[in-house]
C-alpha atoms as a PDB file:
ATOM      1  CA  MET A   1      16.128  13.166   4.495  1.00  0.00           C
ATOM      2  CA  LEU A   2      17.105   9.550   4.088  1.00  0.00           C
ATOM      3  CA  ASN A   3      18.800   7.863   1.151  1.00  0.00           C
ATOM      4  CA  ILE A   4      16.542   4.891   0.420  1.00  0.00           C
ATOM      5  CA  ALA A   5      16.864   1.916  -1.922  1.00  0.00           C
ATOM      6  CA  ILE A   6      13.640  -0.027  -2.673  1.00  0.00           C
ATOM      7  CA  ILE A   7      13.862  -3.504  -4.253  1.00  0.00           C
ATOM      8  CA  GLU A   8      10.447  -4.659  -5.397  1.00  0.00           C
ATOM      9  CA  ASP A   9       9.901  -6.669  -8.568  1.00  0.00           C
ATOM     10  CA  HIS A  10       6.276  -5.470  -9.024  1.00  0.00           C
ATOM     11  CA  LYS A  11       6.935  -2.471 -11.228  1.00  0.00           C
ATOM     12  CA  ALA A  12       3.697  -0.522 -10.562  1.00  0.00           C
ATOM     13  CA  LEU A  13       3.964  -1.020  -6.784  1.00  0.00           C
ATOM     14  CA  ARG A  14       7.643  -0.055  -6.795  1.00  0.00           C
ATOM     15  CA  GLU A  15       6.890   3.184  -8.667  1.00  0.00           C
ATOM     16  CA  ILE A  16       4.100   4.073  -6.199  1.00  0.00           C
ATOM     17  CA  PHE A  17       6.453   3.563  -3.248  1.00  0.00           C
ATOM     18  CA  VAL A  18       9.288   5.508  -4.919  1.00  0.00           C
ATOM     19  CA  ASP A  19       7.058   8.442  -5.828  1.00  0.00           C
ATOM     20  CA  HIS A  20       5.451   8.618  -2.426  1.00  0.00           C
ATOM     21  CA  LEU A  21       8.721   8.539  -0.477  1.00  0.00           C
ATOM     22  CA  MET A  22      10.273  11.085  -2.807  1.00  0.00           C
ATOM     23  CA  GLY A  23       7.251  13.256  -2.057  1.00  0.00           C
ATOM     24  CA  ASP A  24       8.202  12.947   1.618  1.00  0.00           C
ATOM     25  CA  GLY A  25      11.553  14.516   0.769  1.00  0.00           C
ATOM     26  CA  HIS A  26      13.748  11.407   0.630  1.00  0.00           C
ATOM     27  CA  SER A  27      16.232  10.422  -2.050  1.00  0.00           C
ATOM     28  CA  VAL A  28      14.956   7.118  -3.446  1.00  0.00           C
ATOM     29  CA  PHE A  29      16.308   4.471  -5.811  1.00  0.00           C
ATOM     30  CA  GLY A  30      14.053   1.741  -7.124  1.00  0.00           C
ATOM     31  CA  GLY A  31      15.158  -1.645  -8.448  1.00  0.00           C
ATOM     32  CA  ALA A  32      13.672  -5.011  -9.290  1.00  0.00           C
ATOM     33  CA  CYS A  33      16.338  -7.466  -8.080  1.00  0.00           C
ATOM     34  CA  ALA A  34      19.593  -7.950  -6.159  1.00  0.00           C
ATOM     35  CA  GLU A  35      21.631  -7.143  -9.257  1.00  0.00           C
ATOM     36  CA  ASP A  36      19.981  -3.690  -9.481  1.00  0.00           C
ATOM     37  CA  LEU A  37      20.816  -3.027  -5.857  1.00  0.00           C
ATOM     38  CA  ASP A  38      24.447  -4.158  -6.225  1.00  0.00           C
ATOM     39  CA  SER A  39      24.856  -1.915  -9.245  1.00  0.00           C
ATOM     40  CA  TYR A  40      23.435   1.052  -7.319  1.00  0.00           C
ATOM     41  CA  PHE A  41      25.804   0.416  -4.376  1.00  0.00           C
ATOM     42  CA  ALA A  42      28.764   0.298  -6.664  1.00  0.00           C
ATOM     43  CA  SER A  43      28.757   4.115  -6.623  1.00  0.00           C
ATOM     44  CA  ASN A  44      26.124   5.032  -3.991  1.00  0.00           C
ATOM     45  CA  ARG A  45      25.085   4.311  -0.421  1.00  0.00           C
ATOM     46  CA  ALA A  46      21.735   4.135   1.343  1.00  0.00           C
ATOM     47  CA  ASP A  47      20.558   4.687   4.915  1.00  0.00           C
ATOM     48  CA  LEU A  48      17.631   2.344   4.402  1.00  0.00           C
ATOM     49  CA  LEU A  49      16.852  -0.739   2.337  1.00  0.00           C
ATOM     50  CA  ILE A  50      13.216  -1.703   1.656  1.00  0.00           C
ATOM     51  CA  LEU A  51      13.216  -5.264   0.363  1.00  0.00           C
ATOM     52  CA  ASP A  52      10.450  -7.482  -0.947  1.00  0.00           C
ATOM     53  CA  LEU A  53      10.990 -10.988   0.402  1.00  0.00           C
ATOM     54  CA  ASN A  54      10.062 -12.860  -2.797  1.00  0.00           C
ATOM     55  CA  LEU A  55      12.322 -11.602  -5.567  1.00  0.00           C
ATOM     56  CA  PRO A  56      13.621 -13.159  -8.761  1.00  0.00           C
ATOM     57  CA  GLY A  57      17.027 -14.676  -8.108  1.00  0.00           C
ATOM     58  CA  GLU A  58      18.392 -13.807  -4.670  1.00  0.00           C
ATOM     59  CA  ASN A  59      15.552 -13.359  -2.146  1.00  0.00           C
ATOM     60  CA  GLY A  60      15.073 -10.568   0.327  1.00  0.00           C
ATOM     61  CA  LEU A  61      16.343 -12.568   3.337  1.00  0.00           C
ATOM     62  CA  SER A  62      19.612 -13.307   1.599  1.00  0.00           C
ATOM     63  CA  ILE A  63      20.041  -9.698   0.470  1.00  0.00           C
ATOM     64  CA  ALA A  64      19.294  -8.438   3.977  1.00  0.00           C
ATOM     65  CA  LYS A  65      21.875 -10.750   5.543  1.00  0.00           C
ATOM     66  CA  ARG A  66      24.505  -9.842   2.959  1.00  0.00           C
ATOM     67  CA  TYR A  67      24.012  -6.106   3.259  1.00  0.00           C
ATOM     68  CA  ARG A  68      23.805  -6.217   7.038  1.00  0.00           C
ATOM     69  CA  GLN A  69      27.242  -7.862   7.093  1.00  0.00           C
ATOM     70  CA  ALA A  70      28.689  -5.381   4.619  1.00  0.00           C
ATOM     71  CA  TYR A  71      27.042  -2.265   6.081  1.00  0.00           C
ATOM     72  CA  PRO A  72      26.282  -2.883   9.806  1.00  0.00           C
ATOM     73  CA  SER A  73      24.585   0.488  10.387  1.00  0.00           C
ATOM     74  CA  ILE A  74      22.154   0.255   7.484  1.00  0.00           C
ATOM     75  CA  GLN A  75      18.451   0.082   8.290  1.00  0.00           C
ATOM     76  CA  ILE A  76      16.386  -2.699   6.620  1.00  0.00           C
ATOM     77  CA  ILE A  77      12.663  -3.111   6.144  1.00  0.00           C
ATOM     78  CA  LEU A  78      11.371  -6.470   4.786  1.00  0.00           C
ATOM     79  CA  LEU A  79       8.013  -6.595   2.991  1.00  0.00           C
ATOM     80  CA  THR A  80       6.250  -9.951   2.632  1.00  0.00           C
ATOM     81  CA  VAL A  81       2.904 -11.705   2.481  1.00  0.00           C
ATOM     82  CA  ARG A  82       4.299 -14.303   4.922  1.00  0.00           C
ATOM     83  CA  GLY A  83       2.952 -13.476   8.357  1.00  0.00           C
ATOM     84  CA  GLU A  84       3.841 -16.487  10.527  1.00  0.00           C
ATOM     85  CA  ALA A  85       6.043 -15.962  13.603  1.00  0.00           C
ATOM     86  CA  LYS A  86       8.782 -18.219  12.235  1.00  0.00           C
ATOM     87  CA  ASP A  87       9.013 -16.080   9.079  1.00  0.00           C
ATOM     88  CA  LYS A  88       9.307 -12.912  11.188  1.00  0.00           C
ATOM     89  CA  ILE A  89      12.054 -14.479  13.272  1.00  0.00           C
ATOM     90  CA  ALA A  90      13.933 -15.482  10.080  1.00  0.00           C
ATOM     91  CA  GLY A  91      13.599 -11.911   8.865  1.00  0.00           C
ATOM     92  CA  TYR A  92      14.933 -10.416  12.072  1.00  0.00           C
ATOM     93  CA  GLU A  93      17.792 -12.913  12.241  1.00  0.00           C
ATOM     94  CA  SER A  94      18.758 -11.972   8.683  1.00  0.00           C
ATOM     95  CA  GLY A  95      19.297  -8.417   9.920  1.00  0.00           C
ATOM     96  CA  ALA A  96      15.909  -6.757   9.290  1.00  0.00           C
ATOM     97  CA  ASP A  97      14.927  -3.892  11.561  1.00  0.00           C
ATOM     98  CA  LEU A  98      11.232  -3.959  10.591  1.00  0.00           C
ATOM     99  CA  TYR A  99       9.088  -6.728   9.129  1.00  0.00           C
ATOM    100  CA  LEU A 100       5.915  -5.419   7.440  1.00  0.00           C
ATOM    101  CA  PRO A 101       3.085  -7.554   5.996  1.00  0.00           C
ATOM    102  CA  LYS A 102       1.846  -7.076   2.422  1.00  0.00           C
ATOM    103  CA  PRO A 103      -0.356  -5.710   1.081  1.00  0.00           C
ATOM    104  CA  ILE A 104       0.795  -2.376   2.498  1.00  0.00           C
ATOM    105  CA  SER A 105      -0.176   1.103   1.414  1.00  0.00           C
ATOM    106  CA  ALA A 106       2.294   3.819   0.497  1.00  0.00           C
ATOM    107  CA  GLU A 107       1.046   5.772   3.543  1.00  0.00           C
ATOM    108  CA  GLU A 108       1.778   2.853   5.879  1.00  0.00           C
ATOM    109  CA  LEU A 109       5.231   2.440   4.410  1.00  0.00           C
ATOM    110  CA  SER A 110       5.838   6.156   4.748  1.00  0.00           C
ATOM    111  CA  ALA A 111       4.949   5.950   8.462  1.00  0.00           C
ATOM    112  CA  ALA A 112       7.404   3.069   8.938  1.00  0.00           C
ATOM    113  CA  VAL A 113      10.134   5.063   7.146  1.00  0.00           C
ATOM    114  CA  SER A 114       9.461   7.985   9.471  1.00  0.00           C
ATOM    115  CA  SER A 115       9.964   5.681  12.419  1.00  0.00           C
ATOM    116  CA  VAL A 116      13.288   4.508  10.977  1.00  0.00           C
ATOM    117  CA  LYS A 117      14.346   8.131  10.407  1.00  0.00           C
ATOM    118  CA  ARG A 118      13.683   8.980  14.080  1.00  0.00           C
ATOM    119  CA  ARG A 119      15.793   5.978  15.106  1.00  0.00           C
ATOM    120  CA  VAL A 120      18.670   7.057  12.852  1.00  0.00           C
ATOM    121  CA  LEU A 121      18.569  10.546  14.327  1.00  0.00           C
ATOM    122  CA  GLN A 122      18.291   9.130  17.885  1.00  0.00           C
ATOM    123  CA  ASN A 123      21.305   6.887  17.327  1.00  0.00           C
ATOM    124  CA  SER A 124      23.448   9.781  16.160  1.00  0.00           C
ATOM    125  CA  ALA A 125      22.296  11.993  19.021  1.00  0.00           C
ATOM    126  CA  GLN A 126      22.933   9.444  21.811  1.00  0.00           C
ATOM    127  CA  PRO A 127      26.462   8.050  21.360  1.00  0.00           C
ATOM    128  CA  ASP A 128      26.691   6.719  24.959  1.00  0.00           C
ATOM    129  CA  VAL A 129      23.359   4.914  25.133  1.00  0.00           C
ATOM    130  CA  ALA A 130      23.302   1.115  25.105  1.00  0.00           C
ATOM    131  CA  LYS A 131      22.953  -0.246  21.576  1.00  0.00           C
ATOM    132  CA  LEU A 132      21.604  -3.549  20.324  1.00  0.00           C
ATOM    133  CA  ASP A 133      23.364  -5.074  17.310  1.00  0.00           C
ATOM    134  CA  VAL A 134      20.652  -7.440  16.135  1.00  0.00           C
ATOM    135  CA  ALA A 135      22.714  -9.126  13.393  1.00  0.00           C
ATOM    136  CA  ARG A 136      25.547 -10.028  15.730  1.00  0.00           C
ATOM    137  CA  LYS A 137      23.281 -10.455  18.792  1.00  0.00           C
ATOM    138  CA  LEU A 138      25.390  -8.075  20.812  1.00  0.00           C
ATOM    139  CA  LEU A 139      24.468  -5.521  23.451  1.00  0.00           C
ATOM    140  CA  ILE A 140      27.056  -2.732  23.323  1.00  0.00           C
ATOM    141  CA  ARG A 141      27.570   0.013  25.915  1.00  0.00           C
ATOM    142  CA  HIS A 142      30.791   2.030  26.031  1.00  0.00           C
ATOM    143  CA  ASN A 143      33.501  -0.660  25.680  1.00  0.00           C
ATOM    144  CA  MET A 144      31.322  -3.475  26.993  1.00  0.00           C
ATOM    145  CA  LYS A 145      29.976  -6.121  24.595  1.00  0.00           C
ATOM    146  CA  VAL A 146      27.562  -8.734  25.927  1.00  0.00           C
ATOM    147  CA  LYS A 147      26.511 -11.684  23.752  1.00  0.00           C
ATOM    148  CA  LEU A 148      22.800 -12.414  23.609  1.00  0.00           C
ATOM    149  CA  GLY A 149      20.956 -15.573  22.552  1.00  0.00           C
ATOM    150  CA  SER A 150      18.644 -15.453  19.557  1.00  0.00           C
ATOM    151  CA  SER A 151      15.489 -15.308  21.645  1.00  0.00           C
ATOM    152  CA  GLU A 152      16.977 -12.653  23.944  1.00  0.00           C
ATOM    153  CA  ALA A 153      17.916 -10.468  20.979  1.00  0.00           C
ATOM    154  CA  ILE A 154      14.432 -10.847  19.471  1.00  0.00           C
ATOM    155  CA  ILE A 155      12.711  -9.943  22.777  1.00  0.00           C
ATOM    156  CA  LEU A 156      14.932  -6.938  23.437  1.00  0.00           C
ATOM    157  CA  LYS A 157      14.592  -5.622  19.847  1.00  0.00           C
ATOM    158  CA  ALA A 158      10.791  -5.873  20.090  1.00  0.00           C
ATOM    159  CA  LEU A 159      10.712  -4.049  23.417  1.00  0.00           C
ATOM    160  CA  ILE A 160      12.950  -1.239  22.111  1.00  0.00           C
ATOM    161  CA  GLU A 161      10.642  -0.741  19.116  1.00  0.00           C
ATOM    162  CA  ALA A 162       7.304  -1.165  20.915  1.00  0.00           C
ATOM    163  CA  PRO A 163       5.065   1.801  21.830  1.00  0.00           C
ATOM    164  CA  SER A 164       5.841   2.755  25.443  1.00  0.00           C
ATOM    165  CA  ARG A 165       8.548   0.032  25.209  1.00  0.00           C
ATOM    166  CA  SER A 166       6.094  -2.530  26.572  1.00  0.00           C
ATOM    167  CA  LEU A 167       4.700  -5.785  25.221  1.00  0.00           C
ATOM    168  CA  GLU A 168       1.960  -8.109  26.422  1.00  0.00           C
ATOM    169  CA  TYR A 169       2.724 -11.769  27.142  1.00  0.00           C
ATOM    170  CA  TRP A 170       1.109 -13.029  23.946  1.00  0.00           C
ATOM    171  CA  GLN A 171       3.109 -10.616  21.820  1.00  0.00           C
ATOM    172  CA  ILE A 172       6.441 -11.824  23.173  1.00  0.00           C
ATOM    173  CA  LEU A 173       5.435 -15.477  22.984  1.00  0.00           C
ATOM    174  CA  GLU A 174       4.279 -15.065  19.388  1.00  0.00           C
ATOM    175  CA  LEU A 175       7.685 -13.745  18.448  1.00  0.00           C
ATOM    176  CA  LEU A 176       9.161 -16.914  19.943  1.00  0.00           C
ATOM    177  CA  SER A 177       6.644 -19.137  18.111  1.00  0.00           C
ATOM    178  CA  LEU A 178       5.087 -20.189  21.453  1.00  0.00           C
ATOM    179  CA  GLU A 179       1.442 -20.406  22.461  1.00  0.00           C
ATOM    180  CA  LEU A 180      -0.016 -18.328  25.286  1.00  0.00           C
ATOM    181  CA  THR A 181      -0.113 -20.925  28.078  1.00  0.00           C
ATOM    182  CA  GLU A 182       0.679 -20.695  31.777  1.00  0.00           C
ATOM    183  CA  LYS A 183       3.693 -22.959  31.247  1.00  0.00           C
ATOM    184  CA  ASN A 184       5.106 -20.716  28.503  1.00  0.00           C
ATOM    185  CA  LYS A 185       4.420 -17.610  30.586  1.00  0.00           C
ATOM    186  CA  GLY A 186       6.482 -19.282  33.309  1.00  0.00           C
ATOM    187  CA  ASN A 187       9.259 -19.958  30.839  1.00  0.00           C
ATOM    188  CA  LEU A 188       9.118 -16.337  29.776  1.00  0.00           C
ATOM    189  CA  VAL A 189       9.909 -15.308  33.349  1.00  0.00           C
ATOM    190  CA  VAL A 190      13.169 -17.260  33.021  1.00  0.00           C
ATOM    191  CA  TYR A 191      13.995 -15.659  29.677  1.00  0.00           C
ATOM    192  CA  ILE A 192      13.443 -12.153  31.042  1.00  0.00           C
ATOM    193  CA  HIS A 193      15.462 -12.933  34.193  1.00  0.00           C
ATOM    194  CA  ARG A 194      18.435 -14.093  32.080  1.00  0.00           C
ATOM    195  CA  LEU A 195      18.095 -11.086  29.784  1.00  0.00           C
ATOM    196  CA  ASN A 196      18.062  -8.704  32.756  1.00  0.00           C
ATOM    197  CA  LYS A 197      21.265 -10.333  34.019  1.00  0.00           C
ATOM    198  CA  LYS A 198      22.963  -9.744  30.696  1.00  0.00           C
ATOM    199  CA  LEU A 199      21.758  -6.135  30.600  1.00  0.00           C
ATOM    200  CA  SER A 200      23.279  -5.771  34.090  1.00  0.00           C
ATOM    201  CA  GLU A 201      26.559  -7.095  32.728  1.00  0.00           C
ATOM    202  CA  ALA A 202      26.585  -4.169  30.296  1.00  0.00           C
ATOM    203  CA  GLY A 203      26.227  -1.746  33.209  1.00  0.00           C
ATOM    204  CA  ILE A 204      22.480  -1.180  32.879  1.00  0.00           C
ATOM    205  CA  PRO A 205      20.667  -0.987  36.266  1.00  0.00           C
ATOM    206  CA  GLU A 206      18.721  -4.135  37.111  1.00  0.00           C
ATOM    207  CA  PRO A 207      15.964  -4.845  36.386  1.00  0.00           C
ATOM    208  CA  ALA A 208      15.869  -2.915  33.116  1.00  0.00           C
ATOM    209  CA  ILE A 209      12.909  -5.015  31.978  1.00  0.00           C
ATOM    210  CA  GLN A 210      10.133  -4.888  34.527  1.00  0.00           C
ATOM    211  CA  ALA A 211       6.977  -7.017  34.845  1.00  0.00           C
ATOM    212  CA  LEU A 212       3.656  -5.306  34.275  1.00  0.00           C
ATOM    213  CA  TRP A 213       1.107  -6.939  36.554  1.00  0.00           C
ATOM    214  CA  LYS A 214      -0.951  -9.501  34.596  1.00  0.00           C
ATOM    215  CA  GLN A 215      -0.032  -7.826  31.324  1.00  0.00           C
ATOM    216  CA  GLY A 216       3.528  -8.339  30.168  1.00  0.00           C
ATOM    217  CA  TYR A 217       6.905  -6.550  30.363  1.00  0.00           C
ATOM    218  CA  GLN A 218       8.284  -3.066  29.909  1.00  0.00           C
ATOM    219  CA  LEU A 219      11.779  -1.855  29.107  1.00  0.00           C
ATOM    220  CA  THR A 220      12.556   1.039  31.491  1.00  0.00           C
ATOM    221  CA  GLU A 221      16.031   1.975  30.313  1.00  0.00           C
ATOM    222  CA  GLY A 222      16.912   3.926  27.157  1.00  0.00           C
ATOM    223  CA  MET A 223      18.395   1.768  24.401  1.00  0.00           C
ATOM    224  CA  VAL A 224      18.637   1.937  20.614  1.00  0.00           C
ATOM    225  CA  ILE A 225      19.130  -0.441  17.709  1.00  0.00           C
ATOM    226  CA  SER A 226      22.346   0.177  15.931  1.00  0.00           C
ATOM    227  CA  GLU A 227      25.391  -1.425  14.370  1.00  0.00           C
END
């Protein structure tokens, strides 16, 4: 079971999400704005925040950044109708763990929450595994902390979360707001090389990210997203 706080100003949609996730066995709070969330956190805590991007008053990006700073281990899902790569990057840089497009069904959201739950359990079960702190752009392993660039953190996060931990060229380039061209694929080789060097600095065998012939890249070492 997760303790979940959903902030969605559309009352009917919020109630659908709350009811569905409660039916999955989670403890769920629903609010319409940042003030509702702050009031809830005055005497409660949550494992997961589900935030609409467009809210009255403080928006979802600002809330995500503020709560990530205050509670580094909290999981955050952003919901928005904005689907451009630059918007996704802004969401991830604010501290979001998942960025889901609207409209979204309660079943789809439930599946995303299940993925987050597995990650939370995985993090607690693997204390020695390398961890990516997205908000601070740090790779942490044992007592080692390696600073990553924004693009490097975005690429590594996406690889950790991807099925089979692999992504095609176009998927990585889209995250970086780049077109699929031979020149950009060449630049991507440089990005991956630098990222592998930083993973090596954290004591992870090189190359942790390996090229898939004419397809993309795959992360071959176990890592998790954490605080």
